């Protein structure tokens, strides 16, 4: 289900429910991680700062003052909406090097869902 927290009349109260996992960001990574918990007993909450479609309000959340070296990625490389930056670019192809495939050279770890007997 998708709930807009700006619409309190829909009866959804996320703070009144217990959650096993909170994922911040409904971009490619956040949604892929959330999908791993479908059909499990885990109660997963995905938070997204934007709406279902990009809008001016969400874009204003990206405004910042950059100190030091120029960096335009805050403006050109971010989309505050469901799907995140996947809405703004088609991806890129990068070569895979042997060192990328070595054991332990990754950031993801296996997360096991709770067993039926755990509290």
Protein backbone atom coordinates (compact mmCIF):
# COMPACT_ATOMS: atom_id res chain seq x y z
CA UNK A 1 0.00 0.00 0.00
CA UNK A 2 1.08 3.56 -0.60
CA UNK A 3 0.01 6.19 1.93
CA UNK A 4 0.56 9.91 1.63
CA UNK A 5 1.40 11.27 5.09
CA UNK A 6 0.15 14.65 3.89
CA UNK A 7 -3.35 13.13 3.83
CA UNK A 8 -4.20 12.39 7.48
CA UNK A 9 -7.75 11.40 6.55
CA UNK A 10 -6.74 8.02 5.13
CA UNK A 11 -6.54 6.49 8.63
CA UNK A 12 -2.96 5.24 8.28
CA UNK A 13 -0.92 5.79 11.46
CA UNK A 14 2.63 4.44 10.96
CA UNK A 15 3.68 5.33 14.50
CA UNK A 16 0.83 3.23 15.93
CA UNK A 17 2.12 0.01 14.40
CA UNK A 18 5.23 -2.07 15.10
CA UNK A 19 7.69 -2.27 12.18
CA UNK A 20 10.49 -4.81 11.81
CA UNK A 21 12.39 -2.75 9.25
CA UNK A 22 12.31 0.86 8.04
CA UNK A 23 13.85 1.59 4.63
CA UNK A 24 14.54 5.23 3.84
CA UNK A 25 14.07 5.98 0.15
CA UNK A 26 11.78 4.45 -2.48
CA UNK A 27 14.44 4.48 -5.18
CA UNK A 28 15.90 1.46 -6.92
CA UNK A 29 17.87 0.24 -3.89
CA UNK A 30 15.13 0.83 -1.33
CA UNK A 31 12.44 -0.85 -3.42
CA UNK A 32 14.72 -3.79 -4.29
CA UNK A 33 15.47 -4.30 -0.61
CA UNK A 34 11.79 -4.04 0.33
CA UNK A 35 10.91 -6.62 -2.33
CA UNK A 36 13.14 -9.14 -0.56
CA UNK A 37 10.68 -9.11 2.34
CA UNK A 38 7.52 -9.79 0.34
CA UNK A 39 5.84 -12.99 1.49
CA UNK A 40 7.76 -12.95 4.79
CA UNK A 41 6.43 -12.17 8.26
CA UNK A 42 8.48 -8.94 8.38
CA UNK A 43 6.51 -5.69 8.58
CA UNK A 44 8.43 -3.24 6.38
CA UNK A 45 7.92 0.51 6.14
CA UNK A 46 9.45 2.35 3.16
CA UNK A 47 9.72 6.11 3.63
CA UNK A 48 10.01 8.44 0.61
CA UNK A 49 10.35 12.22 0.90
CA UNK A 50 8.65 12.85 -2.44
CA UNK A 51 5.28 11.97 -3.89
CA UNK A 52 4.40 9.39 -6.53
CA UNK A 53 5.42 11.89 -9.22
CA UNK A 54 8.14 14.58 -9.10
CA UNK A 55 6.87 17.99 -8.04
CA UNK A 56 8.21 21.44 -7.12
CA UNK A 57 7.84 20.84 -3.36
CA UNK A 58 9.95 17.67 -3.47
CA UNK A 59 12.57 19.38 -5.64
CA UNK A 60 12.85 22.19 -3.09
CA UNK A 61 14.03 19.62 -0.53
CA UNK A 62 17.22 19.29 -2.61
CA UNK A 63 18.21 22.97 -2.36
CA UNK A 64 21.45 23.52 -0.49
CA UNK A 65 24.50 25.75 -0.27
CA UNK A 66 27.59 23.99 -1.54
CA UNK A 67 30.79 25.13 0.18
CA UNK A 68 34.10 24.46 -1.52
CA UNK A 69 34.27 22.62 -4.82
CA UNK A 70 31.31 23.01 -7.15
CA UNK A 71 28.88 20.09 -7.09
CA UNK A 72 25.74 20.13 -9.23
CA UNK A 73 24.65 16.59 -8.38
CA UNK A 74 22.33 17.85 -5.66
CA UNK A 75 20.21 19.47 -8.36
CA UNK A 76 20.75 17.46 -11.53
CA UNK A 77 21.16 13.99 -10.10
CA UNK A 78 18.33 13.66 -7.58
CA UNK A 79 14.61 13.06 -7.92
CA UNK A 80 12.40 13.17 -4.83
CA UNK A 81 9.57 10.81 -5.79
CA UNK A 82 8.63 7.15 -5.96
CA UNK A 83 11.37 5.47 -7.99
CA UNK A 84 14.03 8.03 -7.05
CA UNK A 85 16.73 8.85 -9.55
CA UNK A 86 15.74 5.94 -11.78
CA UNK A 87 13.15 8.38 -13.13
CA UNK A 88 15.91 10.74 -14.30
CA UNK A 89 18.45 8.52 -16.02
CA UNK A 90 18.63 5.30 -17.97
CA UNK A 91 21.69 4.00 -16.17
CA UNK A 92 25.22 3.48 -17.34
CA UNK A 93 27.33 0.53 -18.34
CA UNK A 94 30.51 0.05 -16.36
CA UNK A 95 33.07 -2.69 -16.87
CA UNK A 96 33.24 -5.45 -14.26
CA UNK A 97 36.72 -6.13 -12.95
CA UNK A 98 37.85 -9.35 -11.34
CA UNK A 99 38.39 -7.55 -8.03
CA UNK A 100 34.64 -6.71 -8.01
CA UNK A 101 33.84 -10.42 -7.84
CA UNK A 102 36.16 -11.46 -5.04
CA UNK A 103 34.60 -12.85 -1.88
CA UNK A 104 33.90 -10.18 0.72
CA UNK A 105 34.18 -7.26 -1.70
CA UNK A 106 30.57 -6.16 -1.30
CA UNK A 107 28.47 -4.04 1.00
CA UNK A 108 25.32 -6.17 1.21
CA UNK A 109 24.78 -8.84 3.81
CA UNK A 110 22.06 -11.45 4.12
CA UNK A 111 19.17 -10.44 6.37
CA UNK A 112 17.17 -13.35 7.66
CA UNK A 113 13.45 -12.86 8.33
CA UNK A 114 12.34 -13.70 11.87
CA UNK A 115 11.24 -17.26 12.48
CA UNK A 116 7.64 -17.99 13.35
CA UNK A 117 8.71 -18.65 16.94
CA UNK A 118 10.59 -15.37 17.47
CA UNK A 119 8.87 -12.55 19.30
